[in-house]
Protein backbone atom coordinates (compact mmCIF):
# COMPACT_ATOMS: atom_id res chain seq x y z
CA MET A 1 -69.27 62.68 2.82
CA ARG A 2 -68.97 60.31 5.79
CA ARG A 3 -69.52 56.62 5.13
CA ALA A 4 -71.84 54.32 7.04
CA VAL A 5 -70.46 52.18 9.84
CA SER A 6 -72.02 48.85 10.83
CA ALA A 7 -71.89 47.52 14.38
CA LEU A 8 -72.67 43.80 14.59
CA LEU A 9 -74.01 42.58 17.89
CA LEU A 10 -75.34 39.34 19.30
CA ALA A 11 -77.26 40.77 22.20
CA THR A 12 -80.95 41.20 22.85
CA SER A 13 -80.76 44.97 22.55
CA ALA A 14 -78.67 47.65 20.88
CA CYS A 15 -78.11 51.32 21.56
CA ALA A 16 -76.86 54.00 19.21
CA PRO A 17 -74.90 57.09 20.29
CA ASP A 18 -76.88 60.22 21.06
CA ALA A 19 -77.80 62.32 18.03
CA ALA A 20 -76.72 59.56 15.66
CA THR A 21 -78.91 58.49 12.76
CA SER A 22 -79.10 54.73 12.96
CA ILE A 23 -81.06 51.61 12.07
CA VAL A 24 -81.22 48.74 14.54
CA PHE A 25 -82.47 45.45 13.15
CA GLU A 26 -84.00 43.54 16.07
CA LEU A 27 -83.84 39.89 15.01
CA THR A 28 -85.77 36.83 16.06
CA LEU A 29 -84.04 33.79 14.59
CA ASP A 30 -84.91 30.15 14.00
CA PRO A 31 -82.28 27.74 15.37
CA GLU A 32 -81.00 26.61 11.96
CA ILE A 33 -79.82 30.08 10.97
CA ARG A 34 -76.04 30.55 11.12
CA ARG A 35 -75.43 33.74 9.14
CA VAL A 36 -77.36 36.99 8.66
CA GLU A 37 -76.58 39.82 6.23
CA ALA A 38 -78.16 43.28 6.29
CA TRP A 39 -78.20 45.75 3.43
CA GLY A 40 -79.69 49.12 2.52
CA ALA A 41 -80.18 50.98 -0.74
CA ASP A 42 -81.70 54.26 -1.86
CA ALA A 43 -84.45 54.68 -4.45
CA ASP A 44 -81.93 54.47 -7.29
CA ALA A 45 -80.55 51.15 -5.97
CA ARG A 46 -77.34 52.78 -4.81
CA ALA A 47 -76.01 51.15 -1.65
CA ALA A 48 -76.75 53.32 1.40
CA PHE A 49 -74.56 51.20 3.66
CA PRO A 50 -72.31 48.23 2.98
CA VAL A 51 -73.60 44.71 3.26
CA SER A 52 -73.07 43.80 6.92
CA ALA A 53 -72.78 40.15 7.91
CA VAL A 54 -72.77 38.38 11.25
CA GLU A 55 -72.10 34.72 12.02
CA VAL A 56 -74.71 33.30 14.41
CA PRO A 57 -73.40 30.84 17.01
CA PRO A 58 -75.52 27.75 17.74
CA GLY A 59 -78.25 28.36 20.28
CA VAL A 60 -78.62 32.11 19.64
CA ARG A 61 -82.28 32.94 18.96
CA GLU A 62 -82.19 36.73 19.24
CA GLY A 63 -79.76 39.41 18.14
CA THR A 64 -79.33 42.83 16.60
CA ILE A 65 -77.51 44.47 13.73
CA ALA A 66 -76.96 48.20 14.33
CA VAL A 67 -76.00 50.49 11.44
CA LEU A 68 -74.81 54.06 12.10
CA LEU A 69 -75.52 56.31 9.14
CA PRO A 70 -74.07 59.64 7.99
CA ASP A 71 -76.28 62.71 8.15
CA ASP A 72 -76.65 62.90 4.36
CA THR A 73 -78.19 59.41 4.09
CA PRO A 74 -81.45 59.56 2.07
CA ARG A 75 -84.51 59.61 4.34
CA VAL A 76 -86.25 56.74 2.56
CA LEU A 77 -84.33 53.48 2.21
CA ASP A 78 -85.03 49.97 1.01
CA VAL A 79 -83.52 47.63 3.58
CA GLY A 80 -83.28 43.88 3.71
CA LEU A 81 -81.94 40.82 5.48
CA ARG A 82 -80.62 37.51 4.17
CA ALA A 83 -80.26 34.48 6.42
CA THR A 84 -78.58 31.20 5.54
CA ASP A 85 -78.12 27.88 7.27
CA ALA A 86 -74.81 26.25 8.20
CA THR A 87 -74.39 24.67 4.75
CA ARG A 88 -75.25 27.89 2.94
CA THR A 89 -77.52 25.96 0.62
CA ARG A 90 -80.78 27.35 1.96
CA GLN A 91 -81.79 30.94 2.63
CA SER A 92 -84.67 33.10 3.77
CA THR A 93 -85.03 36.81 3.09
CA TRP A 94 -86.80 39.83 4.55
CA SER A 95 -87.14 43.28 3.02
CA GLY A 96 -89.02 46.50 3.58
CA ARG A 97 -88.96 50.28 3.15
CA VAL A 98 -88.14 52.58 6.07
CA THR A 99 -88.21 56.33 6.68
CA LEU A 100 -85.38 57.83 8.72
CA GLU A 101 -85.25 60.90 10.92
CA ALA A 102 -81.95 62.71 11.36
CA GLY A 103 -80.37 61.98 14.73
CA ALA A 104 -82.92 59.29 15.60
CA MET A 105 -82.60 55.55 16.05
CA LEU A 106 -85.08 53.49 14.02
CA ARG A 107 -85.82 50.04 15.39
CA VAL A 108 -86.78 47.50 12.74
CA PRO A 109 -88.09 44.20 14.15
CA ALA A 110 -87.71 41.20 11.82
CA THR A 111 -88.32 37.49 12.18
CA LEU A 112 -86.26 35.10 10.08
CA HIS A 113 -87.71 31.62 9.87
CA VAL A 114 -86.06 28.31 9.09
CA PRO A 115 -84.45 28.84 5.68
CA ASP A 116 -87.02 27.64 3.21
CA THR A 117 -85.54 28.58 -0.17
CA THR A 118 -82.85 26.50 -1.86
CA CYS A 119 -80.02 28.69 -3.05
CA PRO A 120 -78.68 28.62 -6.62
CA GLU A 121 -75.96 26.13 -7.47
CA ARG A 122 -73.37 28.80 -6.85
CA GLY A 123 -74.48 29.00 -3.19
CA CYS A 124 -76.44 31.57 -1.24
CA PRO A 125 -75.72 35.22 -2.13
CA HIS A 126 -73.12 37.08 -0.10
CA CYS A 127 -70.77 39.98 -0.60
CA GLY A 128 -67.61 38.78 -2.29
CA ASP A 129 -69.18 35.96 -4.31
CA GLY A 130 -68.77 37.79 -7.63
CA PHE A 131 -72.53 38.31 -8.13
CA ILE A 132 -74.29 41.64 -7.67
CA ASP A 133 -77.15 40.77 -5.32
CA PRO A 134 -79.86 42.99 -3.76
CA GLY A 135 -78.25 45.59 -1.53
CA GLU A 136 -74.92 45.41 -3.39
CA ALA A 137 -73.81 48.20 -5.70
CA CYS A 138 -70.94 46.01 -6.91
CA ASP A 139 -69.25 42.66 -6.26
CA ASP A 140 -65.76 42.03 -7.67
CA GLY A 141 -65.34 38.60 -6.11
CA ALA A 142 -63.17 39.89 -3.29
CA ASN A 143 -63.54 41.59 0.08
CA ASP A 144 -60.81 44.18 -0.36
CA ASP A 145 -61.15 47.91 0.11
CA GLY A 146 -59.42 50.38 -2.15
CA ASP A 147 -60.08 48.55 -5.42
CA GLY A 148 -63.25 50.45 -6.41
CA CYS A 149 -65.64 47.96 -4.79
CA SER A 150 -65.45 47.98 -1.02
CA SER A 151 -65.43 45.04 1.36
CA GLY A 152 -69.11 45.81 1.90
CA CYS A 153 -69.85 45.70 -1.85
CA ALA A 154 -70.39 49.45 -2.12
CA LEU A 155 -68.88 51.62 -4.85
CA GLU A 156 -65.89 53.56 -3.55
CA PRO A 157 -65.32 57.19 -4.49
CA GLU A 158 -62.22 58.08 -6.46
CA ALA A 159 -60.89 60.00 -3.48
CA ARG A 160 -61.64 58.34 -0.15
CA VAL A 161 -62.25 60.69 2.76
CA GLU A 162 -61.47 58.17 5.45
CA ASP A 163 -60.79 54.50 5.84
CA ILE A 164 -63.36 52.44 7.68
CA GLU A 165 -62.63 48.89 8.67
CA ALA A 166 -65.56 46.84 7.41
CA PRO A 167 -66.81 43.84 9.39
CA PRO A 168 -64.98 40.70 8.29
CA LEU A 169 -66.81 38.06 6.27
CA VAL A 170 -65.60 34.75 7.64
CA ASP A 171 -65.94 31.27 6.19
CA ALA A 172 -66.75 32.71 2.79
CA LEU A 173 -67.56 30.35 -0.06
CA PRO A 174 -64.91 29.82 -2.72
CA LYS A 175 -64.91 32.82 -4.99
CA ALA A 176 -66.90 32.41 -8.18
CA PRO A 177 -65.61 34.15 -11.28
CA PRO A 178 -67.20 37.53 -11.85
CA VAL A 179 -70.24 37.29 -14.10
CA GLU A 180 -73.00 39.65 -14.95
CA GLY A 181 -74.82 39.95 -11.63
CA SER A 182 -78.47 40.37 -10.81
CA VAL A 183 -79.80 43.89 -10.97
CA CYS A 184 -83.30 44.40 -9.63
CA GLY A 185 -85.31 46.37 -12.16
CA ASP A 186 -83.54 45.21 -15.32
CA GLY A 187 -86.47 43.03 -16.40
CA VAL A 188 -84.54 39.77 -16.02
CA ALA A 189 -85.53 37.50 -13.11
CA ASP A 190 -82.21 36.19 -11.88
CA PRO A 191 -81.95 33.09 -9.67
CA ASN A 192 -82.01 35.06 -6.43
CA GLU A 193 -84.90 37.26 -7.56
CA ALA A 194 -88.48 36.10 -7.10
CA CYS A 195 -89.53 38.46 -9.91
CA ASP A 196 -88.25 41.36 -12.00
CA ASP A 197 -90.79 43.49 -13.86
CA GLY A 198 -88.29 45.96 -15.25
CA GLY A 199 -88.98 48.63 -12.64
CA ARG A 200 -88.39 49.44 -8.99
CA ALA A 201 -91.86 50.57 -8.01
CA ASP A 202 -93.73 48.97 -5.13
CA ASP A 203 -97.39 47.89 -5.18
CA ASP A 204 -97.31 46.48 -8.72
CA GLY A 205 -96.77 42.84 -7.76
CA CYS A 206 -92.97 42.85 -7.89
CA SER A 207 -91.45 45.03 -5.18
CA SER A 208 -88.58 47.48 -5.41
CA THR A 209 -86.35 44.68 -4.13
CA CYS A 210 -87.69 42.12 -6.63
CA THR A 211 -89.70 40.12 -4.12
CA LEU A 212 -93.29 39.03 -4.71
CA GLU A 213 -95.93 41.24 -3.13
CA ARG A 214 -99.03 39.86 -1.48
CA GLY A 215 -102.21 39.88 -3.55
CA PHE A 216 -100.49 39.32 -6.91
CA ASP A 217 -99.80 36.39 -9.22
CA CYS A 218 -96.59 36.73 -11.20
CA SER A 219 -96.36 33.13 -12.48
CA SER A 220 -96.96 34.18 -16.09
CA GLY A 221 -94.10 36.67 -16.06
CA THR A 222 -96.53 39.57 -15.67
CA CYS A 223 -97.86 40.42 -12.22
CA VAL A 224 -101.63 40.68 -11.99
CA PRO A 225 -103.83 41.15 -8.91
CA VAL A 226 -105.51 37.99 -7.59
CA CYS A 227 -109.21 38.87 -7.44
CA GLY A 228 -111.03 37.08 -4.65
CA ASP A 229 -108.19 36.67 -2.15
CA GLY A 230 -109.41 39.46 0.12
CA LEU A 231 -106.32 41.62 -0.48
CA LEU A 232 -106.74 44.95 -2.28
CA ALA A 233 -103.92 45.05 -4.84
CA GLY A 234 -103.06 46.79 -8.10
CA ASP A 235 -106.04 48.32 -9.89
CA GLU A 236 -108.64 46.41 -7.86
CA ALA A 237 -111.40 48.73 -6.67
CA CYS A 238 -112.48 46.17 -4.08
CA ASP A 239 -111.77 42.59 -3.02
CA ASP A 240 -114.28 40.91 -0.71
CA GLY A 241 -112.57 37.54 -0.64
CA GLY A 242 -114.81 35.93 -3.28
CA THR A 243 -115.78 36.13 -6.93
CA ALA A 244 -119.57 36.02 -6.57
CA THR A 245 -121.62 38.70 -8.33
CA GLY A 246 -124.44 40.71 -6.84
CA ASP A 247 -122.69 41.41 -3.54
CA GLY A 248 -121.14 44.74 -4.50
CA CYS A 249 -117.71 43.53 -5.61
CA SER A 250 -117.76 41.77 -8.98
CA ALA A 251 -115.86 38.69 -10.16
CA THR A 252 -113.23 41.08 -11.59
CA CYS A 253 -112.97 43.13 -8.37
CA THR A 254 -114.80 46.18 -9.68
CA VAL A 255 -117.56 47.91 -7.74
CA GLU A 256 -120.97 46.85 -9.06
CA PRO A 257 -123.65 49.46 -9.89
CA GLY A 258 -125.78 50.34 -6.91
CA PHE A 259 -123.04 49.71 -4.35
CA ASP A 260 -120.32 51.53 -2.46
CA CYS A 261 -117.22 49.62 -1.35
CA ILE A 262 -114.26 50.32 0.90
CA ARG A 263 -111.62 47.63 0.44
CA SER A 264 -113.47 44.38 1.27
CA GLN A 265 -116.72 45.87 2.58
CA CYS A 266 -119.58 46.68 0.20
CA TRP A 267 -123.10 47.96 0.87
CA PRO A 268 -126.07 49.04 -1.29
CA ILE A 269 -126.62 52.74 -2.03
CA CYS A 270 -130.15 53.52 -0.87
CA GLY A 271 -131.75 56.28 -2.94
CA ASP A 272 -130.02 55.69 -6.27
CA GLY A 273 -133.04 54.06 -7.91
CA ARG A 274 -131.46 50.57 -8.12
CA VAL A 275 -132.84 47.70 -6.06
CA VAL A 276 -129.82 45.57 -5.05
CA ALA A 277 -128.82 43.18 -2.26
CA ASP A 278 -131.23 43.36 0.69
CA GLU A 279 -133.09 46.46 -0.52
CA ALA A 280 -136.85 45.82 -0.76
CA CYS A 281 -137.32 48.99 -2.80
CA ASP A 282 -135.44 52.04 -4.05
CA ASP A 283 -137.50 54.96 -5.27
CA GLY A 284 -134.53 57.23 -5.98
CA ASN A 285 -134.70 59.17 -2.72
CA THR A 286 -134.29 58.72 1.02
CA VAL A 287 -137.55 60.33 2.09
CA ASN A 288 -139.79 58.49 4.54
CA GLY A 289 -143.54 58.30 4.16
CA ASP A 290 -143.64 57.70 0.40
CA GLY A 291 -143.81 53.91 0.48
CA CYS A 292 -140.05 53.28 0.43
CA SER A 293 -138.18 54.25 3.58
CA ASP A 294 -134.83 55.97 3.95
CA THR A 295 -133.32 52.49 4.42
CA CYS A 296 -134.96 51.21 1.23
CA GLN A 297 -137.52 49.03 2.98
CA LEU A 298 -141.22 48.99 2.07
CA GLU A 299 -143.38 51.32 4.11
CA ASP A 300 -147.11 50.96 4.87
CA LEU A 301 -148.85 53.54 2.67
CA CYS A 302 -152.10 54.54 4.31
CA GLY A 303 -154.95 55.01 1.84
CA ASP A 304 -153.81 52.51 -0.77
CA GLY A 305 -156.41 49.91 0.22
CA VAL A 306 -153.73 47.45 1.42
CA ILE A 307 -153.45 46.78 5.15
CA GLY A 308 -149.75 46.97 6.00
CA VAL A 309 -147.98 45.59 9.03
CA THR A 310 -148.37 48.87 10.95
CA GLU A 311 -151.97 49.49 9.83
CA SER A 312 -155.09 48.18 11.54
CA CYS A 313 -157.25 49.11 8.54
CA ASP A 314 -157.04 50.74 5.11
CA ASP A 315 -160.27 51.74 3.38
CA ASP A 316 -158.60 53.18 0.29
CA ASN A 317 -158.83 56.77 1.52
CA THR A 318 -157.43 59.00 4.22
CA ASP A 319 -160.72 60.45 5.52
CA ASP A 320 -161.50 60.63 9.22
CA GLY A 321 -164.92 59.71 10.60
CA ASP A 322 -165.60 56.73 8.31
CA GLY A 323 -164.28 54.08 10.65
CA CYS A 324 -160.68 53.99 9.34
CA SER A 325 -158.78 57.14 10.21
CA ALA A 326 -156.37 59.20 8.14
CA THR A 327 -153.56 57.21 9.79
CA CYS A 328 -155.22 53.86 9.05
CA THR A 329 -156.26 53.07 12.59
CA ILE A 330 -159.78 51.83 13.46
CA GLU A 331 -161.76 54.68 14.96
CA ALA A 332 -163.68 54.28 18.20
CA GLY A 333 -167.20 53.01 17.68
CA PHE A 334 -166.40 51.14 14.46
CA SER A 335 -165.40 47.69 13.38
CA CYS A 336 -163.57 47.11 10.11
CA GLU A 337 -163.18 43.98 7.98
CA ASP A 338 -161.85 42.93 4.57
CA THR A 339 -159.33 44.59 2.23
CA PRO A 340 -159.87 47.40 1.39
CA SER A 341 -161.44 47.87 4.80
CA ASP A 342 -165.24 47.97 5.11
CA CYS A 343 -166.04 49.76 8.35
CA GLU A 344 -169.40 49.89 10.16
CA ALA A 345 -170.55 51.59 13.32
CA ILE A 346 -170.93 49.29 16.33
CA CYS A 347 -174.49 49.52 17.57
CA GLY A 348 -174.84 49.16 21.35
CA ASP A 349 -171.47 50.55 22.43
CA GLY A 350 -172.89 53.89 23.55
CA LEU A 351 -171.13 55.86 20.79
CA ILE A 352 -173.12 57.42 17.99
CA ARG A 353 -171.13 56.85 14.82
CA GLY A 354 -171.71 56.60 11.08
CA ASP A 355 -175.42 56.43 10.21
CA GLU A 356 -176.58 55.65 13.75
CA GLU A 357 -179.47 57.84 15.01
CA CYS A 358 -178.88 56.86 18.58
CA ASP A 359 -176.87 54.47 20.74
CA ASP A 360 -178.03 53.80 24.27
CA GLY A 361 -175.32 51.25 25.03
CA ASN A 362 -177.46 48.21 24.27
CA THR A 363 -179.30 46.49 21.46
CA SER A 364 -182.63 46.08 23.19
CA ARG A 365 -185.87 47.04 21.49
CA ARG A 366 -188.83 49.10 22.86
CA ASP A 367 -186.47 51.32 24.92
CA GLY A 368 -186.44 54.11 22.38
CA CYS A 369 -183.21 53.05 20.50
CA ASN A 370 -183.61 49.72 18.74
CA HIS A 371 -181.04 47.05 17.89
CA HIS A 372 -180.12 48.90 14.67
CA CYS A 373 -179.54 52.11 16.62
CA ASP A 374 -182.54 53.74 15.04
CA VAL A 375 -184.87 55.94 17.15
CA GLU A 376 -188.13 54.06 17.63
CA ASN A 377 -191.53 55.60 16.89
CA HIS A 378 -192.92 57.89 19.57
CA TRP A 379 -189.52 58.26 21.23
CA GLU A 380 -187.01 61.04 21.45
CA CYS A 381 -183.31 60.32 22.13
CA GLY A 382 -180.38 62.59 22.94
CA GLY A 383 -176.90 62.50 24.38
CA GLU A 384 -174.12 59.89 24.17
CA PRO A 385 -174.86 57.28 25.27
CA SER A 386 -178.37 58.07 24.18
CA VAL A 387 -181.11 58.76 26.73
CA CYS A 388 -184.55 58.14 25.22
CA GLU A 389 -187.98 59.27 26.42
CA GLU A 390 -191.41 58.57 25.06
CA ASP A 391 -193.27 61.41 23.40
């Protein structure tokens, strides 16, 4: 099996040979950073390539670390970066999971800010310090090859296929005596681990590289999702950024009855029979014309004796010809008042409606059709408007 080779560059770009599987870390650096280490490990925490370190000259703000990988490298790797300042008393870290394609170059952009974490008393982690840190399969306190633990802190096979000169680690701290190092996933949160939940699964609050994941609180020693922070984490069914009830996502980040939620967005389910949120009604269906619309808003129900916003009358029935039609509109020749509507024919409009005997378009008397629209004695009326003649 071929071993990984690391090429350390301080340029703004990096290229890998054709048909070579490689990872190129494209770095953006804060000015205080003086050293950067890159590491990679497979799902079982075995080092996929040795810890590779580069010293950063003053004034350099961008750079790359290119790692050429053998063809049998696992496709999914946990990779990370450690950056320290000139005193090696402060550090910042970056980690993530990448998927490789054989013969392809994977570019991994990463920004390393001003070191914001104070290192343990022993100094910031690095290969050769005698502590097994993330990305290291071993650390014997030296940077020698051929002694079982390579200069890149990777376990060496009993029979080495070829010798690879590892990048030198310059200005190393005085060697600390070998002690039991930190192993991510052993359930013990070591000084350089932000957490350790005893496993190497992601998305449970403590990542596979023992860093805190967003949306969790691990201060009690057990990682639990933070309900109300707007981040969907752990077993949360929703998280709308608050802990109010009645909005679809409860104070414990479960979906409330009557709602559907996708991540942080919740909306009422119209037609389930529950009146929630801005629903004015919910009759258990999404049929229009039954009083509750397909959007769960009140409809005007013609014939119920109540004049709705779209009705001009409602006489408590749906009969035509009585002044208020079957669609609750006032029919021609009628006027309607009150609730339920009381409709009467309009005498003098030229339309014969209701109990009118005639309507000659006026309310004059002694013209055959009087002011009540009754035919006067000794007159005969016909037509509409009515034409009246004396007998």
